[in-house]
Amino acid sequence: MVFALLLSLGVTTFAPVTVRPALSPAAEALLVAQQPPGDSLRDSLRATRSTAPIRQLAQVVASDTGLLMDVSAVRHLPNGGVIVNDSKRRQLVVFDSALRTGRVISDTTSNSPNPYGVRGTGGSLIPYVGDSTLFVDFDSQAFLVIDAEGNFARVMAPVRASDLFYVGDATNGRAVFDPQGRLLYRGIRRLRMGQPPSFNPADPRKILAQPDSAPILRMDFDKRTVDTVVMIKTPVQKQIQVTGSNFILWMQMINPLPSSDEWTQLPDGTIAIVRGQDYHVDWLSTDGKLTSSPRMPFDWRRITREQKLAMVDSVKRMENERLAKLPPPPPAAPGSFQIPRQRNEPVDPEDLPDYYPPVRQGQVRADPLGRLWILPSTSRDAKAGLLYDVVDRSGQVVERVQLPEGRTLVGFGPAGTLYLNHVQSPERATLERAIVER
């Protein structure tokens, strides 16, 4: 939803602003701190422009088999083929090295060799040890192991089955194995049972706010343990409980611009945390040492009140369209407990940030060379398609990669290979393989 709102509201480009001469990080921080909020100098210092070269894509090869509806994740195979997770159609497809022939290895049909399950999620395909891959099977509460040829080999039990939902949720960063074979994923902080913070016996509406941080968890299959590696900042999730005489309704509060830290892991096991407050990277090495790199250039763009109202109205409109497609609830017997229709509500415009958050949610990846690929929420240099910042281990934006219109990055292959999802219609998508032109 957030991704679609940003694109629909035209957040890929904006008008240039005046760029001042570069200052040292210490001098810039001091100068910014001395300015009152909203000052033009403060804003212009924040709107620093990247000088990294912009790369285009070349050698694009596309699949066109009509099998796919939406590519959410891929896994490159040693023979040049690729496993595709199509979470919209709820299927796994293995393509050959030329992307011409697709073999369905899991779906929801009755004659499927392996059932996909009733729930499709973007993070369900996880690279495992060697060239094997794990697929999250929510129905059986287990991992299915896929071998290097794209065939199901065995079943593996998780340490904590209740965490599989978070393992497969790609919106919070994709789960990944560290060099010791332990699974890293983002979880949640569980609240203690009790009354909501805004509890008022006379008020039928009660607000429950989740914590503003979340743990990166580590699942150790040998020790059968789950521990916390590091905490990151997350947007506050709010729910409203409405209590009536014969019903209780929970409503989720939707924030179209959540500001949070994003994370991923480099091939050497280093955890990279992209801080959403000022767009810099913290690096957590395998020995537990935490270091920070300088703030990166970002096109900070202020959000006007009119734009905030438009975002809230857009959330309401999409929610009304969703409810209109649902069948009417069955009538309840007199005196029985009713199950009202679940409805989501947008947050108040005052709860939205004053600037677009630097990073789009779940859009930080690490390539096989140990570089971060970050999708900023705004960029004045982006053309019709998305423009990624490519960041090296020192925290510097070394280049930016321009994707063609209508494409999203879904994975990497060897030698600088990118895999792209191209949605051509609500019922048809193609997988593309490309090389960055340098």
Protein backbone atom coordinates (compact mmCIF):
# COMPACT_ATOMS: atom_id res chain seq x y z
CA MET A 1 0.00 0.00 0.00
CA VAL A 2 2.75 2.46 0.94
CA PHE A 3 4.65 1.75 -2.29
CA ALA A 4 1.53 2.37 -4.41
CA LEU A 5 0.68 5.58 -2.58
CA LEU A 6 4.15 7.02 -3.09
CA LEU A 7 4.07 6.29 -6.80
CA SER A 8 0.52 7.55 -7.26
CA LEU A 9 1.37 10.79 -5.48
CA GLY A 10 4.37 11.43 -7.71
CA VAL A 11 7.18 11.04 -5.20
CA THR A 12 9.78 9.77 -7.68
CA THR A 13 10.90 13.26 -8.73
CA PHE A 14 10.63 16.85 -7.64
CA ALA A 15 11.93 20.30 -8.51
CA PRO A 16 15.62 21.02 -7.93
CA VAL A 17 16.70 23.06 -4.93
CA THR A 18 19.79 25.16 -4.32
CA VAL A 19 22.79 23.01 -3.35
CA ARG A 20 25.36 24.61 -1.06
CA PRO A 21 29.09 23.78 -0.98
CA ALA A 22 29.89 20.58 0.92
CA LEU A 23 30.72 20.93 4.62
CA SER A 24 32.43 18.52 6.94
CA PRO A 25 30.00 16.27 8.85
CA ALA A 26 30.86 17.95 12.16
CA ALA A 27 30.45 21.48 10.78
CA GLU A 28 27.21 20.61 9.03
CA ALA A 29 25.76 18.97 12.15
CA LEU A 30 26.63 22.03 14.23
CA LEU A 31 25.16 24.43 11.69
CA VAL A 32 21.95 22.43 11.32
CA ALA A 33 21.53 22.17 15.09
CA GLN A 34 21.70 25.96 15.38
CA GLN A 35 18.81 26.51 12.97
CA PRO A 36 15.18 26.46 14.12
CA PRO A 37 12.87 23.78 12.61
CA GLY A 38 11.67 24.75 9.17
CA ASP A 39 14.47 27.24 8.55
CA SER A 40 15.48 27.47 4.88
CA LEU A 41 19.16 26.94 5.68
CA ARG A 42 18.35 23.80 7.63
CA ASP A 43 16.24 22.52 4.74
CA SER A 44 18.87 23.27 2.08
CA LEU A 45 21.58 21.53 4.11
CA ARG A 46 19.41 18.46 4.35
CA ALA A 47 18.63 18.47 0.62
CA THR A 48 22.17 17.45 -0.36
CA ARG A 49 22.49 16.02 -3.83
CA SER A 50 24.43 12.87 -4.66
CA THR A 51 27.28 13.15 -7.15
CA ALA A 52 27.50 9.40 -7.72
CA PRO A 53 27.18 8.32 -11.38
CA ILE A 54 23.83 7.00 -12.60
CA ARG A 55 24.04 3.62 -14.34
CA GLN A 56 21.60 2.18 -16.85
CA LEU A 57 20.73 -1.46 -17.51
CA ALA A 58 21.81 -3.53 -20.50
CA GLN A 59 21.47 -7.09 -21.86
CA VAL A 60 17.88 -7.40 -20.71
CA VAL A 61 16.37 -10.88 -21.11
CA ALA A 62 12.69 -11.37 -20.30
CA SER A 63 10.45 -14.36 -19.70
CA ASP A 64 7.15 -14.37 -21.59
CA THR A 65 5.47 -17.66 -20.78
CA GLY A 66 2.24 -16.28 -19.37
CA LEU A 67 2.82 -18.20 -16.11
CA LEU A 68 3.40 -15.27 -13.77
CA MET A 69 1.16 -12.69 -12.15
CA ASP A 70 3.63 -10.97 -9.81
CA VAL A 71 7.24 -11.86 -8.92
CA SER A 72 7.96 -11.28 -5.23
CA ALA A 73 11.31 -13.11 -4.85
CA VAL A 74 13.83 -15.13 -6.88
CA ARG A 75 16.67 -17.56 -6.17
CA HIS A 76 19.45 -17.94 -8.75
CA LEU A 77 20.51 -21.57 -9.33
CA PRO A 78 23.99 -22.91 -10.20
CA ASN A 79 22.84 -24.03 -13.68
CA GLY A 80 21.77 -20.47 -14.56
CA GLY A 81 18.10 -21.12 -13.89
CA VAL A 82 16.03 -19.36 -11.27
CA ILE A 83 13.28 -20.19 -8.78
CA VAL A 84 10.46 -17.63 -8.78
CA ASN A 85 8.02 -17.03 -5.95
CA ASP A 86 4.79 -15.72 -7.43
CA SER A 87 2.94 -14.87 -4.23
CA LYS A 88 -0.07 -13.38 -6.05
CA ARG A 89 -0.81 -16.57 -7.98
CA ARG A 90 0.58 -18.62 -5.06
CA GLN A 91 3.04 -20.71 -6.97
CA LEU A 92 6.76 -21.52 -7.30
CA VAL A 93 8.14 -21.70 -10.84
CA VAL A 94 11.62 -22.87 -11.94
CA PHE A 95 12.84 -21.19 -15.16
CA ASP A 96 15.72 -22.35 -17.33
CA SER A 97 18.81 -20.21 -17.89
CA ALA A 98 17.24 -18.50 -20.92
CA LEU A 99 14.00 -17.71 -19.02
CA ARG A 100 12.05 -19.38 -21.84
CA THR A 101 10.66 -22.46 -20.13
CA GLY A 102 8.96 -22.50 -16.74
CA ARG A 103 8.28 -25.56 -14.59
CA VAL A 104 5.71 -25.20 -11.80
CA ILE A 105 6.94 -27.05 -8.70
CA SER A 106 4.32 -25.81 -6.24
CA ASP A 107 0.88 -24.24 -6.54
CA THR A 108 -2.68 -24.51 -5.26
CA THR A 109 -4.14 -26.91 -7.86
CA SER A 110 -5.27 -30.39 -6.87
CA ASN A 111 -2.64 -32.11 -9.04
CA SER A 112 0.28 -30.00 -7.80
CA PRO A 113 3.39 -32.00 -6.86
CA ASN A 114 3.73 -29.78 -3.78
CA PRO A 115 1.01 -27.58 -2.25
CA TYR A 116 1.81 -23.87 -2.01
CA GLY A 117 -0.67 -23.09 0.75
CA VAL A 118 -3.44 -20.55 1.11
CA ARG A 119 -1.15 -17.67 2.08
CA GLY A 120 1.33 -16.03 -0.28
CA THR A 121 4.08 -13.81 1.11
CA GLY A 122 7.02 -12.10 -0.54
CA GLY A 123 9.66 -13.35 1.90
CA SER A 124 8.86 -17.06 1.75
CA LEU A 125 11.83 -17.96 -0.50
CA ILE A 126 15.07 -17.84 1.52
CA PRO A 127 18.60 -18.75 0.31
CA TYR A 128 19.95 -21.56 2.53
CA VAL A 129 23.32 -23.27 2.91
CA GLY A 130 25.18 -24.05 -0.29
CA ASP A 131 22.83 -23.70 -3.24
CA SER A 132 19.72 -24.90 -1.44
CA THR A 133 16.66 -22.79 -0.67
CA LEU A 134 14.02 -22.74 2.04
CA PHE A 135 10.35 -22.19 1.35
CA VAL A 136 8.08 -21.21 4.26
CA ASP A 137 5.08 -23.54 4.39
CA PHE A 138 2.58 -21.83 6.68
CA ASP A 139 0.05 -24.65 6.48
CA SER A 140 2.41 -27.31 7.84
CA GLN A 141 4.33 -24.82 10.04
CA ALA A 142 7.64 -25.95 8.56
CA PHE A 143 10.39 -25.13 6.06
CA LEU A 144 10.52 -27.02 2.77
CA VAL A 145 14.09 -27.47 1.50
CA ILE A 146 14.60 -27.04 -2.27
CA ASP A 147 17.82 -28.42 -3.77
CA ALA A 148 20.16 -26.84 -6.34
CA GLU A 149 18.10 -28.29 -9.22
CA GLY A 150 14.87 -26.72 -8.05
CA ASN A 151 13.34 -29.88 -6.55
CA PHE A 152 11.86 -30.34 -3.10
CA ALA A 153 14.24 -32.45 -1.03
CA ARG A 154 13.06 -32.58 2.59
CA VAL A 155 11.19 -30.83 5.40
CA MET A 156 12.88 -28.89 8.22
CA ALA A 157 11.23 -27.85 11.47
CA PRO A 158 11.64 -24.27 12.71
CA VAL A 159 12.79 -23.57 16.26
CA ARG A 160 9.68 -21.49 16.93
CA ALA A 161 6.80 -22.13 14.56
CA SER A 162 4.87 -19.07 15.77
CA ASP A 163 7.60 -16.88 14.22
CA LEU A 164 7.10 -18.15 10.66
CA PHE A 165 4.78 -15.25 9.90
CA TYR A 166 7.60 -12.78 10.64
CA VAL A 167 10.14 -14.90 8.76
CA GLY A 168 8.03 -14.75 5.62
CA ASP A 169 7.05 -11.07 5.89
CA ALA A 170 9.26 -9.24 3.36
CA THR A 171 7.84 -5.82 4.23
CA ASN A 172 10.00 -5.79 7.36
CA GLY A 173 13.23 -6.85 5.67
CA ARG A 174 13.93 -10.26 4.16
CA ALA A 175 15.03 -13.13 6.36
CA VAL A 176 18.58 -14.32 5.69
CA PHE A 177 21.03 -16.92 7.02
CA ASP A 178 24.31 -15.80 8.55
CA PRO A 179 27.62 -17.61 7.79
CA GLN A 180 27.04 -19.89 10.82
CA GLY A 181 23.71 -21.14 9.43
CA ARG A 182 21.48 -19.16 11.80
CA LEU A 183 18.35 -17.48 10.48
CA LEU A 184 17.99 -13.71 10.98
CA TYR A 185 14.60 -12.01 10.73
CA ARG A 186 12.69 -9.08 12.19
CA GLY A 187 10.21 -9.85 14.93
CA ILE A 188 8.02 -7.72 17.17
CA ARG A 189 7.96 -6.71 20.79
CA ARG A 190 5.03 -8.36 22.48
CA LEU A 191 3.00 -6.23 24.86
CA ARG A 192 2.01 -7.48 28.27
CA MET A 193 -1.63 -8.35 28.66
CA GLY A 194 -3.67 -5.59 30.24
CA GLN A 195 -5.74 -2.55 29.50
CA PRO A 196 -4.81 -0.24 26.60
CA PRO A 197 -2.90 2.92 27.56
CA SER A 198 -5.91 5.12 26.79
CA PHE A 199 -8.33 3.00 28.83
CA ASN A 200 -11.46 4.90 29.81
CA PRO A 201 -14.50 2.93 31.03
CA ALA A 202 -16.86 5.54 29.58
CA ASP A 203 -15.25 5.55 26.11
CA PRO A 204 -16.23 2.68 23.72
CA ARG A 205 -13.11 3.41 21.63
CA LYS A 206 -9.78 2.40 23.15
CA ILE A 207 -6.39 2.89 21.47
CA LEU A 208 -3.61 0.34 21.76
CA ALA A 209 -0.17 1.55 20.61
CA GLN A 210 2.58 -0.93 19.86
CA PRO A 211 6.21 -0.17 20.86
CA ASP A 212 8.34 1.99 18.56
CA SER A 213 11.13 -0.58 18.25
CA ALA A 214 11.51 -4.18 17.10
CA PRO A 215 14.17 -6.88 17.50
CA ILE A 216 16.26 -8.53 14.83
CA LEU A 217 16.02 -12.16 15.96
CA ARG A 218 18.42 -15.05 15.37
CA MET A 219 17.09 -18.61 15.10
CA ASP A 220 19.79 -21.20 15.90
CA PHE A 221 18.78 -24.62 14.54
CA ASP A 222 21.61 -26.48 16.31
CA LYS A 223 20.95 -25.06 19.77
CA ARG A 224 17.18 -24.79 19.14
CA THR A 225 17.17 -21.24 20.52
CA VAL A 226 15.97 -17.78 19.42
CA ASP A 227 17.76 -14.70 20.72
CA THR A 228 17.84 -10.95 19.95
CA VAL A 229 20.76 -9.55 17.95
CA VAL A 230 19.89 -5.85 17.87
CA MET A 231 16.92 -3.50 18.19
CA ILE A 232 15.83 -1.12 15.44
CA LYS A 233 13.36 1.77 15.38
CA THR A 234 9.96 1.04 13.84
CA PRO A 235 6.82 3.12 13.26
CA VAL A 236 4.28 3.05 16.06
CA GLN A 237 1.43 0.73 15.12
CA LYS A 238 -1.95 1.72 16.56
CA GLN A 239 -5.17 -0.23 16.87
CA ILE A 240 -8.59 0.93 17.95
CA GLN A 241 -10.89 -1.35 19.92
CA VAL A 242 -14.58 -0.50 19.63
CA THR A 243 -16.84 -2.24 22.15
CA GLY A 244 -20.59 -2.47 21.66
CA SER A 245 -23.41 -4.21 23.49
CA ASN A 246 -22.92 -7.44 21.54
CA PHE A 247 -19.69 -7.01 19.55
CA ILE A 248 -16.00 -6.06 19.78
CA LEU A 249 -14.29 -4.61 16.72
CA TRP A 250 -10.55 -4.13 16.20
CA MET A 251 -9.49 -1.53 13.64
CA GLN A 252 -5.94 -1.13 12.35
CA MET A 253 -4.67 2.43 11.96
CA ILE A 254 -2.93 2.78 8.57
CA ASN A 255 0.05 5.11 8.20
CA PRO A 256 0.81 5.67 4.49
CA LEU A 257 4.29 7.07 5.29
CA PRO A 258 5.84 4.92 8.04
CA SER A 259 9.30 6.08 9.06
CA SER A 260 11.53 3.30 10.35
CA ASP A 261 14.99 1.82 10.26
CA GLU A 262 15.58 -0.76 7.53
CA TRP A 263 18.07 -3.61 7.69
CA THR A 264 19.77 -6.40 5.80
CA GLN A 265 22.85 -8.61 6.12
CA LEU A 266 26.00 -8.57 3.98
CA PRO A 267 27.50 -11.86 2.72
CA ASP A 268 30.21 -11.73 5.43
CA GLY A 269 27.60 -11.64 8.21
CA THR A 270 27.71 -7.89 8.92
CA ILE A 271 24.26 -6.46 9.68
CA ALA A 272 23.59 -3.11 8.00
CA ILE A 273 20.95 -0.85 9.58
CA VAL A 274 19.85 2.12 7.49
CA ARG A 275 18.64 4.75 9.94
CA GLY A 276 15.45 6.44 8.84
CA GLN A 277 15.98 9.60 10.84
CA ASP A 278 18.99 10.99 8.97
CA TYR A 279 19.85 8.41 6.27
CA HIS A 280 23.10 6.89 7.48
CA VAL A 281 24.16 3.27 8.00
CA ASP A 282 25.11 1.55 11.25
CA TRP A 283 27.20 -1.60 10.81
CA LEU A 284 27.04 -4.47 13.32
CA SER A 285 29.98 -6.82 12.71
CA THR A 286 30.01 -10.50 13.58
CA ASP A 287 32.05 -9.77 16.74
CA GLY A 288 29.32 -7.45 18.04
CA LYS A 289 31.08 -4.15 17.28
CA LEU A 290 28.75 -1.35 16.14
CA THR A 291 30.12 1.41 13.89
CA SER A 292 28.46 4.26 12.02
CA SER A 293 29.21 5.75 8.62
CA PRO A 294 28.46 9.38 7.63
CA ARG A 295 25.04 10.56 6.58
CA MET A 296 24.35 9.98 2.89
CA PRO A 297 22.95 12.52 0.39
CA PHE A 298 19.18 12.55 0.17
CA ASP A 299 16.65 14.83 -1.49
CA TRP A 300 14.66 15.83 1.59
CA ARG A 301 11.20 16.92 0.56
CA ARG A 302 8.74 18.64 2.86
CA ILE A 303 5.15 17.38 3.02
CA THR A 304 2.51 20.10 3.00
CA ARG A 305 -0.71 19.81 4.94
CA GLU A 306 -2.63 19.56 1.66
CA GLN A 307 -0.49 16.57 0.67
CA LYS A 308 -1.08 14.94 4.06
CA LEU A 309 -4.84 15.33 3.63
CA ALA A 310 -4.60 13.82 0.14
CA MET A 311 -2.74 10.78 1.49
CA VAL A 312 -5.32 10.23 4.22
CA ASP A 313 -8.14 10.55 1.69
CA SER A 314 -6.38 8.04 -0.57
CA VAL A 315 -6.21 5.49 2.26
CA LYS A 316 -9.92 6.00 2.97
CA ARG A 317 -10.78 5.59 -0.71
CA MET A 318 -8.83 2.35 -1.06
CA GLU A 319 -10.39 0.99 2.12
CA ASN A 320 -13.90 1.82 0.87
CA GLU A 321 -13.12 0.09 -2.43
CA ARG A 322 -11.90 -2.99 -0.55
CA LEU A 323 -15.02 -3.15 1.60
CA ALA A 324 -17.29 -2.68 -1.43
CA LYS A 325 -15.88 -5.89 -2.96
CA LEU A 326 -16.65 -7.99 0.14
CA PRO A 327 -19.91 -9.94 0.45
CA PRO A 328 -22.36 -8.68 3.09
CA PRO A 329 -21.96 -10.30 6.54
CA PRO A 330 -24.54 -12.93 7.46
CA PRO A 331 -27.34 -11.71 9.74
CA ALA A 332 -26.85 -12.54 13.41
CA ALA A 333 -29.52 -14.19 15.49
CA PRO A 334 -31.27 -11.92 18.02
CA GLY A 335 -29.24 -11.62 21.20
CA SER A 336 -26.20 -13.41 19.77
CA PHE A 337 -22.67 -12.05 19.54
CA GLN A 338 -22.13 -10.28 16.25
CA ILE A 339 -18.92 -10.33 14.22
CA PRO A 340 -18.73 -6.90 12.60
CA ARG A 341 -16.85 -6.33 9.39
CA GLN A 342 -13.20 -5.47 9.94
CA ARG A 343 -12.37 -1.95 8.85
CA ASN A 344 -9.06 -0.10 8.71
CA GLU A 345 -8.72 3.61 9.40
CA PRO A 346 -5.98 6.08 8.36
CA VAL A 347 -4.04 7.97 10.98
CA ASP A 348 -4.74 11.65 11.50
CA PRO A 349 -2.90 14.00 9.12
CA GLU A 350 -1.07 15.46 12.15
CA ASP A 351 0.51 12.03 12.76
CA LEU A 352 2.24 12.03 9.38
CA PRO A 353 5.88 13.21 9.21
CA ASP A 354 6.83 16.66 7.95
CA TYR A 355 9.32 15.16 5.47
CA TYR A 356 9.16 12.07 3.31
CA PRO A 357 11.05 9.26 5.07
CA PRO A 358 14.39 8.54 3.36
CA VAL A 359 13.86 4.83 2.70
CA ARG A 360 10.87 2.94 1.39
CA GLN A 361 9.73 0.18 3.71
CA GLY A 362 11.42 -3.17 3.07
CA GLN A 363 13.54 -1.77 0.23
CA VAL A 364 17.10 -2.39 1.46
CA ARG A 365 19.01 -5.33 -0.05
CA ALA A 366 22.59 -6.60 -0.14
CA ASP A 367 24.12 -7.88 -3.39
CA PRO A 368 26.68 -10.73 -3.63
CA LEU A 369 29.53 -8.16 -3.64
CA GLY A 370 28.55 -6.85 -0.20
CA ARG A 371 27.01 -3.56 -1.34
CA LEU A 372 23.69 -2.15 -0.17
CA TRP A 373 20.92 -1.37 -2.64
CA ILE A 374 18.63 1.24 -1.11
CA LEU A 375 15.48 2.63 -2.69
CA PRO A 376 15.01 6.24 -1.48
CA SER A 377 11.47 7.56 -1.22
CA THR A 378 12.32 10.68 -3.26
CA SER A 379 14.88 11.48 -5.95
CA ARG A 380 14.97 14.46 -8.27
CA ASP A 381 17.27 12.54 -10.67
CA ALA A 382 14.94 9.56 -11.17
CA LYS A 383 13.41 9.23 -14.61
CA ALA A 384 10.24 7.27 -15.28
CA GLY A 385 11.50 4.28 -13.25
CA LEU A 386 12.95 3.69 -9.79
CA LEU A 387 16.46 4.92 -8.93
CA TYR A 388 18.50 2.89 -6.40
CA ASP A 389 21.40 4.12 -4.27
CA VAL A 390 24.28 1.59 -4.24
CA VAL A 391 26.31 1.94 -1.03
CA ASP A 392 29.70 0.38 -0.27
CA ARG A 393 31.02 -0.85 3.09
CA SER A 394 32.27 2.63 4.01
CA GLY A 395 28.73 4.00 3.79
CA GLN A 396 29.33 5.98 0.60
CA VAL A 397 26.91 6.07 -2.34
CA VAL A 398 29.27 4.84 -5.07
CA GLU A 399 26.70 4.73 -7.86
CA ARG A 400 22.99 4.85 -8.57
CA VAL A 401 21.16 2.44 -10.82
CA GLN A 402 18.18 3.51 -12.92
CA LEU A 403 15.53 0.85 -13.52
CA PRO A 404 13.22 1.02 -16.55
CA GLU A 405 9.67 2.18 -16.03
CA GLY A 406 7.38 -0.31 -14.31
CA ARG A 407 10.16 -2.52 -12.93
CA THR A 408 11.07 -3.42 -9.36
CA LEU A 409 14.19 -5.17 -8.10
CA VAL A 410 13.48 -8.69 -6.80
CA GLY A 411 16.91 -10.30 -6.54
CA PHE A 412 20.51 -10.72 -7.65
CA GLY A 413 22.58 -13.22 -9.58
CA PRO A 414 26.34 -13.58 -10.09
CA ALA A 415 28.56 -11.11 -11.97
CA GLY A 416 26.33 -8.09 -11.39
CA THR A 417 23.11 -9.73 -12.59
CA LEU A 418 19.80 -8.19 -11.53
CA TYR A 419 16.37 -9.80 -11.57
CA LEU A 420 13.40 -7.49 -12.14
CA ASN A 421 9.65 -7.85 -11.85
CA HIS A 422 7.66 -6.25 -14.66
CA VAL A 423 3.91 -6.18 -13.98
CA GLN A 424 2.21 -5.60 -17.33
CA SER A 425 -1.38 -6.01 -16.13
CA PRO A 426 -3.19 -7.21 -12.98
CA GLU A 427 -3.06 -10.76 -14.36
CA ARG A 428 0.30 -10.84 -16.12
CA ALA A 429 3.93 -10.22 -15.19
CA THR A 430 7.32 -11.12 -16.62
CA LEU A 431 10.68 -11.82 -15.02
CA GLU A 432 13.61 -9.89 -16.49
CA ARG A 433 17.34 -10.43 -16.11
CA ALA A 434 19.70 -7.52 -16.74
CA ILE A 435 23.28 -6.35 -16.25
CA VAL A 436 24.29 -2.93 -14.93
CA GLU A 437 26.01 -0.99 -17.69
CA ARG A 438 29.34 0.37 -16.42
